[in-house]
Amino acid sequence: MPAPTGLEKLPLWQQPVTYGAIGATQADDFRRYPPKGYRAIESRVRVGHGAERWRHAWTETLSLGIQRRAGLRIRRIEAPAEVLENTYQPVTFDENGQPIQPAGTTSGEQVFADTGAELVRPGDTVELLAGWGPLTLRSPVRVLYVIDEPTRRGFGYGTLPGHPASGEEAFVVEQREDESVWLTIRAFSRPANRWWWLAYPVLRLAQAIITSRYEHALTRPLP
């Protein structure tokens, strides 16, 4: 077990992420140059076509619908409103490296889609739960950034103490000029501690399975 630091006594919403390269999933060359010691993956799949599919895709993505459709349960960890206010929102770039969304701070207010779904905000803390009862696996994460552009929307979250892995994952949907809708998943990770390193082959398999489920989450018939 890792040596105690005192941070584990803090509420989950106060605990920092468990790695240093925050926001690295936004870099276009992150697969070639991942954070040292981490394994990077990227997948891109076409999930449909047209305005209705686009609206469904970005709403599901920003409301954690991808995770739910993959079989995970979601537990939001409430934090005081003043904590989420002034959360830093980093600048975002297009594929040519040009800034699109300027850096700034968030208001901390809850945001909802017109369907009533609650959308994620930078600073949100969430537990992803798999399994049931004593076999439940907890994977706490923090939303680090949100992308909100006319044809490109999504977010990235980073791991918190208690997660079996250490790293970051991003889910971004885009609508192209031909109106096709695509989901891109980017992640870099490694086992969180030496005990999870012993189970590394199992973690790799689990990651492959859940990523496949994520890829199919938005391809189902529209409601």
C-alpha atoms as a PDB file:
ATOM      1  CA  MET A   1       0.000   0.000   0.000  1.00  0.00           C
ATOM      2  CA  PRO A   2       1.230   3.569  -0.668  1.00  0.00           C
ATOM      3  CA  ALA A   3       2.412   5.535   2.336  1.00  0.00           C
ATOM      4  CA  PRO A   4      -0.323   7.704   3.874  1.00  0.00           C
ATOM      5  CA  THR A   5      -0.050  11.403   3.071  1.00  0.00           C
ATOM      6  CA  GLY A   6      -2.957  12.815   5.049  1.00  0.00           C
ATOM      7  CA  LEU A   7      -4.775  13.723   1.839  1.00  0.00           C
ATOM      8  CA  GLU A   8      -6.863  10.558   2.101  1.00  0.00           C
ATOM      9  CA  LYS A   9      -8.587  12.089   5.134  1.00  0.00           C
ATOM     10  CA  LEU A  10      -9.934  14.965   3.036  1.00  0.00           C
ATOM     11  CA  PRO A  11     -13.374  14.809   1.418  1.00  0.00           C
ATOM     12  CA  LEU A  12     -13.108  13.454  -2.108  1.00  0.00           C
ATOM     13  CA  TRP A  13     -13.967  16.816  -3.677  1.00  0.00           C
ATOM     14  CA  GLN A  14     -10.906  18.323  -1.951  1.00  0.00           C
ATOM     15  CA  GLN A  15      -8.417  15.694  -3.056  1.00  0.00           C
ATOM     16  CA  PRO A  16      -6.099  16.415  -6.009  1.00  0.00           C
ATOM     17  CA  VAL A  17      -5.783  14.244  -9.091  1.00  0.00           C
ATOM     18  CA  THR A  18      -3.159  11.517  -8.928  1.00  0.00           C
ATOM     19  CA  TYR A  19      -0.885  12.583 -11.798  1.00  0.00           C
ATOM     20  CA  GLY A  20       0.888  15.679 -13.042  1.00  0.00           C
ATOM     21  CA  ALA A  21       0.218  16.060 -16.776  1.00  0.00           C
ATOM     22  CA  ILE A  22      -3.190  17.683 -16.380  1.00  0.00           C
ATOM     23  CA  GLY A  23      -4.922  18.373 -19.686  1.00  0.00           C
ATOM     24  CA  ALA A  24      -2.474  16.341 -21.787  1.00  0.00           C
ATOM     25  CA  THR A  25      -5.357  14.605 -23.620  1.00  0.00           C
ATOM     26  CA  GLN A  26      -5.913  17.891 -25.468  1.00  0.00           C
ATOM     27  CA  ALA A  27      -2.511  17.722 -27.191  1.00  0.00           C
ATOM     28  CA  ASP A  28      -2.724  16.429 -30.779  1.00  0.00           C
ATOM     29  CA  ASP A  29       0.609  14.603 -30.455  1.00  0.00           C
ATOM     30  CA  PHE A  30      -0.081  13.042 -27.070  1.00  0.00           C
ATOM     31  CA  ARG A  31       0.050   9.497 -28.511  1.00  0.00           C
ATOM     32  CA  ARG A  32       3.561  10.080 -29.821  1.00  0.00           C
ATOM     33  CA  TYR A  33       4.652  11.925 -26.692  1.00  0.00           C
ATOM     34  CA  PRO A  34       2.533  10.693 -23.780  1.00  0.00           C
ATOM     35  CA  PRO A  35       3.476  11.646 -20.233  1.00  0.00           C
ATOM     36  CA  LYS A  36       6.527   9.654 -19.209  1.00  0.00           C
ATOM     37  CA  GLY A  37       5.630   6.238 -17.837  1.00  0.00           C
ATOM     38  CA  TYR A  38       2.057   6.284 -19.160  1.00  0.00           C
ATOM     39  CA  ARG A  39       0.404   4.294 -21.942  1.00  0.00           C
ATOM     40  CA  ALA A  40      -1.689   6.369 -24.362  1.00  0.00           C
ATOM     41  CA  ILE A  41      -4.651   5.198 -26.438  1.00  0.00           C
ATOM     42  CA  GLU A  42      -6.925   6.927 -28.938  1.00  0.00           C
ATOM     43  CA  SER A  43      -9.988   5.683 -30.786  1.00  0.00           C
ATOM     44  CA  ARG A  44     -12.315   7.418 -33.226  1.00  0.00           C
ATOM     45  CA  VAL A  45     -15.655   5.998 -34.401  1.00  0.00           C
ATOM     46  CA  ARG A  46     -18.517   7.305 -36.524  1.00  0.00           C
ATOM     47  CA  VAL A  47     -21.700   7.275 -34.440  1.00  0.00           C
ATOM     48  CA  GLY A  48     -24.228   8.568 -36.933  1.00  0.00           C
ATOM     49  CA  HIS A  49     -25.311  11.384 -39.188  1.00  0.00           C
ATOM     50  CA  GLY A  50     -27.466  14.483 -39.086  1.00  0.00           C
ATOM     51  CA  ALA A  51     -28.675  17.126 -36.662  1.00  0.00           C
ATOM     52  CA  GLU A  52     -30.651  14.784 -34.386  1.00  0.00           C
ATOM     53  CA  ARG A  53     -27.717  12.420 -33.972  1.00  0.00           C
ATOM     54  CA  TRP A  54     -25.383  15.353 -33.248  1.00  0.00           C
ATOM     55  CA  ARG A  55     -27.707  16.756 -30.596  1.00  0.00           C
ATOM     56  CA  HIS A  56     -28.128  13.327 -29.009  1.00  0.00           C
ATOM     57  CA  ALA A  57     -24.378  12.650 -29.086  1.00  0.00           C
ATOM     58  CA  TRP A  58     -23.219  15.820 -27.403  1.00  0.00           C
ATOM     59  CA  THR A  59     -26.030  15.742 -24.830  1.00  0.00           C
ATOM     60  CA  GLU A  60     -25.219  12.152 -23.863  1.00  0.00           C
ATOM     61  CA  THR A  61     -21.501  12.891 -23.771  1.00  0.00           C
ATOM     62  CA  LEU A  62     -21.716  15.961 -21.543  1.00  0.00           C
ATOM     63  CA  SER A  63     -24.228  14.310 -19.181  1.00  0.00           C
ATOM     64  CA  LEU A  64     -22.079  11.171 -18.645  1.00  0.00           C
ATOM     65  CA  GLY A  65     -24.496   9.141 -20.749  1.00  0.00           C
ATOM     66  CA  ILE A  66     -21.597   7.324 -22.404  1.00  0.00           C
ATOM     67  CA  GLN A  67     -20.505   5.957 -19.033  1.00  0.00           C
ATOM     68  CA  ARG A  68     -24.057   4.953 -18.082  1.00  0.00           C
ATOM     69  CA  ARG A  69     -24.659   3.230 -21.413  1.00  0.00           C
ATOM     70  CA  ALA A  70     -21.400   1.329 -20.894  1.00  0.00           C
ATOM     71  CA  GLY A  71     -22.848  -0.181 -17.712  1.00  0.00           C
ATOM     72  CA  LEU A  72     -21.331   2.098 -15.077  1.00  0.00           C
ATOM     73  CA  ARG A  73     -23.287   3.751 -12.303  1.00  0.00           C
ATOM     74  CA  ILE A  74     -22.682   7.426 -11.594  1.00  0.00           C
ATOM     75  CA  ARG A  75     -22.399   8.999  -8.163  1.00  0.00           C
ATOM     76  CA  ARG A  76     -21.855  12.741  -8.140  1.00  0.00           C
ATOM     77  CA  ILE A  77     -19.905  14.109  -5.185  1.00  0.00           C
ATOM     78  CA  GLU A  78     -21.310  17.441  -4.118  1.00  0.00           C
ATOM     79  CA  ALA A  79     -18.894  20.270  -3.378  1.00  0.00           C
ATOM     80  CA  PRO A  80     -19.617  23.737  -1.944  1.00  0.00           C
ATOM     81  CA  ALA A  81     -20.681  26.165  -4.671  1.00  0.00           C
ATOM     82  CA  GLU A  82     -17.771  28.487  -3.936  1.00  0.00           C
ATOM     83  CA  VAL A  83     -15.361  25.657  -4.809  1.00  0.00           C
ATOM     84  CA  LEU A  84     -16.740  25.304  -8.323  1.00  0.00           C
ATOM     85  CA  GLU A  85     -16.882  29.054  -8.843  1.00  0.00           C
ATOM     86  CA  ASN A  86     -13.759  30.387 -10.543  1.00  0.00           C
ATOM     87  CA  THR A  87     -12.605  26.888 -11.547  1.00  0.00           C
ATOM     88  CA  TYR A  88      -9.985  27.384 -14.231  1.00  0.00           C
ATOM     89  CA  GLN A  89     -11.071  26.445 -17.744  1.00  0.00           C
ATOM     90  CA  PRO A  90      -8.000  26.042 -19.985  1.00  0.00           C
ATOM     91  CA  VAL A  91      -7.700  27.305 -23.558  1.00  0.00           C
ATOM     92  CA  THR A  92      -8.641  24.779 -26.250  1.00  0.00           C
ATOM     93  CA  PHE A  93      -7.111  24.444 -29.704  1.00  0.00           C
ATOM     94  CA  ASP A  94      -8.160  23.190 -33.119  1.00  0.00           C
ATOM     95  CA  GLU A  95      -6.270  20.483 -35.050  1.00  0.00           C
ATOM     96  CA  ASN A  96      -3.889  23.118 -36.445  1.00  0.00           C
ATOM     97  CA  GLY A  97      -2.930  24.375 -32.999  1.00  0.00           C
ATOM     98  CA  GLN A  98      -4.971  27.563 -33.218  1.00  0.00           C
ATOM     99  CA  PRO A  99      -6.807  28.656 -30.048  1.00  0.00           C
ATOM    100  CA  ILE A 100     -10.586  28.284 -30.262  1.00  0.00           C
ATOM    101  CA  GLN A 101     -11.932  28.581 -26.741  1.00  0.00           C
ATOM    102  CA  PRO A 102     -10.089  31.083 -24.529  1.00  0.00           C
ATOM    103  CA  ALA A 103      -8.972  30.265 -21.027  1.00  0.00           C
ATOM    104  CA  GLY A 104     -11.203  31.534 -18.261  1.00  0.00           C
ATOM    105  CA  THR A 105     -13.053  30.648 -15.090  1.00  0.00           C
ATOM    106  CA  THR A 106     -16.432  29.020 -14.578  1.00  0.00           C
ATOM    107  CA  SER A 107     -19.454  30.393 -12.723  1.00  0.00           C
ATOM    108  CA  GLY A 108     -20.051  27.179 -10.758  1.00  0.00           C
ATOM    109  CA  GLU A 109     -23.741  27.126 -11.706  1.00  0.00           C
ATOM    110  CA  GLN A 110     -25.350  23.848 -12.682  1.00  0.00           C
ATOM    111  CA  VAL A 111     -25.909  23.535 -16.415  1.00  0.00           C
ATOM    112  CA  PHE A 112     -28.707  21.532 -18.045  1.00  0.00           C
ATOM    113  CA  ALA A 113     -29.483  20.476 -21.603  1.00  0.00           C
ATOM    114  CA  ASP A 114     -32.937  21.216 -22.995  1.00  0.00           C
ATOM    115  CA  THR A 115     -33.736  17.552 -22.280  1.00  0.00           C
ATOM    116  CA  GLY A 116     -33.259  18.225 -18.574  1.00  0.00           C
ATOM    117  CA  ALA A 117     -29.990  16.272 -18.379  1.00  0.00           C
ATOM    118  CA  GLU A 118     -27.419  17.754 -15.990  1.00  0.00           C
ATOM    119  CA  LEU A 119     -24.203  18.536 -17.833  1.00  0.00           C
ATOM    120  CA  VAL A 120     -20.721  18.267 -16.367  1.00  0.00           C
ATOM    121  CA  ARG A 121     -18.697  21.309 -15.329  1.00  0.00           C
ATOM    122  CA  PRO A 122     -14.969  21.771 -14.747  1.00  0.00           C
ATOM    123  CA  GLY A 123     -14.341  20.875 -11.104  1.00  0.00           C
ATOM    124  CA  ASP A 124     -17.128  18.292 -10.814  1.00  0.00           C
ATOM    125  CA  THR A 125     -16.179  15.179  -8.845  1.00  0.00           C
ATOM    126  CA  VAL A 126     -17.778  11.886  -9.796  1.00  0.00           C
ATOM    127  CA  GLU A 127     -17.473   8.244  -8.778  1.00  0.00           C
ATOM    128  CA  LEU A 128     -17.845   5.652 -11.542  1.00  0.00           C
ATOM    129  CA  LEU A 129     -19.137   2.432  -9.993  1.00  0.00           C
ATOM    130  CA  ALA A 130     -18.885  -1.064 -11.463  1.00  0.00           C
ATOM    131  CA  GLY A 131     -20.184  -4.218  -9.824  1.00  0.00           C
ATOM    132  CA  TRP A 132     -22.450  -4.541  -6.815  1.00  0.00           C
ATOM    133  CA  GLY A 133     -22.227  -4.877  -3.046  1.00  0.00           C
ATOM    134  CA  PRO A 134     -18.815  -5.803  -1.642  1.00  0.00           C
ATOM    135  CA  LEU A 135     -17.503  -6.357  -5.187  1.00  0.00           C
ATOM    136  CA  THR A 136     -18.176  -2.764  -6.257  1.00  0.00           C
ATOM    137  CA  LEU A 137     -15.163  -1.124  -7.876  1.00  0.00           C
ATOM    138  CA  ARG A 138     -14.979   2.634  -7.262  1.00  0.00           C
ATOM    139  CA  SER A 139     -13.249   4.855  -9.792  1.00  0.00           C
ATOM    140  CA  PRO A 140     -13.364   8.499  -8.627  1.00  0.00           C
ATOM    141  CA  VAL A 141     -12.562  11.182 -11.199  1.00  0.00           C
ATOM    142  CA  ARG A 142     -12.550  14.960 -11.527  1.00  0.00           C
ATOM    143  CA  VAL A 143     -13.753  16.863 -14.590  1.00  0.00           C
ATOM    144  CA  LEU A 144     -10.813  19.006 -15.686  1.00  0.00           C
ATOM    145  CA  TYR A 145     -12.077  20.778 -18.777  1.00  0.00           C
ATOM    146  CA  VAL A 146     -15.174  21.067 -20.932  1.00  0.00           C
ATOM    147  CA  ILE A 147     -15.151  21.745 -24.680  1.00  0.00           C
ATOM    148  CA  ASP A 148     -18.185  23.693 -25.898  1.00  0.00           C
ATOM    149  CA  GLU A 149     -17.824  24.693 -29.536  1.00  0.00           C
ATOM    150  CA  PRO A 150     -20.462  24.815 -32.298  1.00  0.00           C
ATOM    151  CA  THR A 151     -19.392  21.510 -33.881  1.00  0.00           C
ATOM    152  CA  ARG A 152     -17.159  19.995 -31.190  1.00  0.00           C
ATOM    153  CA  ARG A 153     -18.169  19.211 -27.609  1.00  0.00           C
ATOM    154  CA  GLY A 154     -16.892  17.026 -24.818  1.00  0.00           C
ATOM    155  CA  PHE A 155     -14.807  16.903 -21.656  1.00  0.00           C
ATOM    156  CA  GLY A 156     -11.820  15.325 -19.980  1.00  0.00           C
ATOM    157  CA  TYR A 157     -11.498  13.912 -16.476  1.00  0.00           C
ATOM    158  CA  GLY A 158      -8.575  12.847 -14.332  1.00  0.00           C
ATOM    159  CA  THR A 159      -8.201  10.115 -11.736  1.00  0.00           C
ATOM    160  CA  LEU A 160      -8.491  10.714  -7.992  1.00  0.00           C
ATOM    161  CA  PRO A 161      -7.167   8.656  -5.040  1.00  0.00           C
ATOM    162  CA  GLY A 162      -8.970   5.314  -4.918  1.00  0.00           C
ATOM    163  CA  HIS A 163      -9.052   4.862  -8.690  1.00  0.00           C
ATOM    164  CA  PRO A 164      -7.288   1.668  -9.838  1.00  0.00           C
ATOM    165  CA  ALA A 165      -5.480   3.659 -12.532  1.00  0.00           C
ATOM    166  CA  SER A 166      -3.653   6.960 -12.651  1.00  0.00           C
ATOM    167  CA  GLY A 167      -4.219   9.180 -15.665  1.00  0.00           C
ATOM    168  CA  GLU A 168      -6.719  11.069 -17.771  1.00  0.00           C
ATOM    169  CA  GLU A 169      -9.482  10.311 -20.268  1.00  0.00           C
ATOM    170  CA  ALA A 170     -11.346  12.533 -22.714  1.00  0.00           C
ATOM    171  CA  PHE A 171     -14.581  12.092 -24.671  1.00  0.00           C
ATOM    172  CA  VAL A 172     -15.178  14.469 -27.574  1.00  0.00           C
ATOM    173  CA  VAL A 173     -17.903  14.398 -30.239  1.00  0.00           C
ATOM    174  CA  GLU A 174     -17.761  16.420 -33.432  1.00  0.00           C
ATOM    175  CA  GLN A 175     -19.983  17.051 -36.411  1.00  0.00           C
ATOM    176  CA  ARG A 176     -18.136  17.334 -39.696  1.00  0.00           C
ATOM    177  CA  GLU A 177     -19.062  19.295 -42.817  1.00  0.00           C
ATOM    178  CA  ASP A 178     -20.833  16.266 -44.309  1.00  0.00           C
ATOM    179  CA  GLU A 179     -22.969  16.145 -41.106  1.00  0.00           C
ATOM    180  CA  SER A 180     -21.415  12.862 -39.978  1.00  0.00           C
ATOM    181  CA  VAL A 181     -20.960  12.622 -36.190  1.00  0.00           C
ATOM    182  CA  TRP A 182     -17.817  11.150 -34.641  1.00  0.00           C
ATOM    183  CA  LEU A 183     -16.725  10.195 -31.138  1.00  0.00           C
ATOM    184  CA  THR A 184     -13.063  10.432 -30.168  1.00  0.00           C
ATOM    185  CA  ILE A 185     -11.781   8.837 -26.957  1.00  0.00           C
ATOM    186  CA  ARG A 186      -8.307   9.667 -25.716  1.00  0.00           C
ATOM    187  CA  ALA A 187      -6.634   8.389 -22.585  1.00  0.00           C
ATOM    188  CA  PHE A 188      -3.298   7.868 -20.929  1.00  0.00           C
ATOM    189  CA  SER A 189      -2.945   5.728 -17.842  1.00  0.00           C
ATOM    190  CA  ARG A 190      -0.908   3.365 -15.711  1.00  0.00           C
ATOM    191  CA  PRO A 191      -1.773   1.343 -12.591  1.00  0.00           C
ATOM    192  CA  ALA A 192      -2.294   3.529  -9.546  1.00  0.00           C
ATOM    193  CA  ASN A 193       0.041   1.591  -7.230  1.00  0.00           C
ATOM    194  CA  ARG A 194       2.151  -1.566  -7.005  1.00  0.00           C
ATOM    195  CA  TRP A 195      -0.840  -3.739  -6.123  1.00  0.00           C
ATOM    196  CA  TRP A 196      -2.640  -2.715  -9.286  1.00  0.00           C
ATOM    197  CA  TRP A 197       0.603  -3.243 -11.225  1.00  0.00           C
ATOM    198  CA  LEU A 198       0.328  -6.916 -10.213  1.00  0.00           C
ATOM    199  CA  ALA A 199      -3.081  -6.962 -11.906  1.00  0.00           C
ATOM    200  CA  TYR A 200      -1.900  -4.975 -14.935  1.00  0.00           C
ATOM    201  CA  PRO A 201      -2.968  -7.578 -17.552  1.00  0.00           C
ATOM    202  CA  VAL A 202      -6.462  -7.596 -16.031  1.00  0.00           C
ATOM    203  CA  LEU A 203      -6.550  -3.785 -16.035  1.00  0.00           C
ATOM    204  CA  ARG A 204      -5.521  -3.716 -19.708  1.00  0.00           C
ATOM    205  CA  LEU A 205      -8.293  -6.157 -20.584  1.00  0.00           C
ATOM    206  CA  ALA A 206     -10.869  -4.231 -18.548  1.00  0.00           C
ATOM    207  CA  GLN A 207      -9.813  -0.991 -20.233  1.00  0.00           C
ATOM    208  CA  ALA A 208     -10.209  -2.546 -23.683  1.00  0.00           C
ATOM    209  CA  ILE A 209     -13.684  -3.854 -22.822  1.00  0.00           C
ATOM    210  CA  ILE A 210     -14.943  -0.582 -21.357  1.00  0.00           C
ATOM    211  CA  THR A 211     -13.496   1.423 -24.265  1.00  0.00           C
ATOM    212  CA  SER A 212     -15.359  -0.832 -26.695  1.00  0.00           C
ATOM    213  CA  ARG A 213     -18.555  -0.210 -24.742  1.00  0.00           C
ATOM    214  CA  TYR A 214     -17.908   3.534 -24.826  1.00  0.00           C
ATOM    215  CA  GLU A 215     -17.466   3.382 -28.599  1.00  0.00           C
ATOM    216  CA  HIS A 216     -20.869   1.716 -29.046  1.00  0.00           C
ATOM    217  CA  ALA A 217     -22.686   3.853 -26.484  1.00  0.00           C
ATOM    218  CA  LEU A 218     -23.756   6.530 -28.968  1.00  0.00           C
ATOM    219  CA  THR A 219     -24.525   4.281 -31.941  1.00  0.00           C
ATOM    220  CA  ARG A 220     -27.811   2.896 -30.666  1.00  0.00           C
ATOM    221  CA  PRO A 221     -31.125   3.949 -32.296  1.00  0.00           C
ATOM    222  CA  LEU A 222     -32.257   7.411 -31.291  1.00  0.00           C
ATOM    223  CA  PRO A 223     -34.941   7.530 -28.598  1.00  0.00           C
END
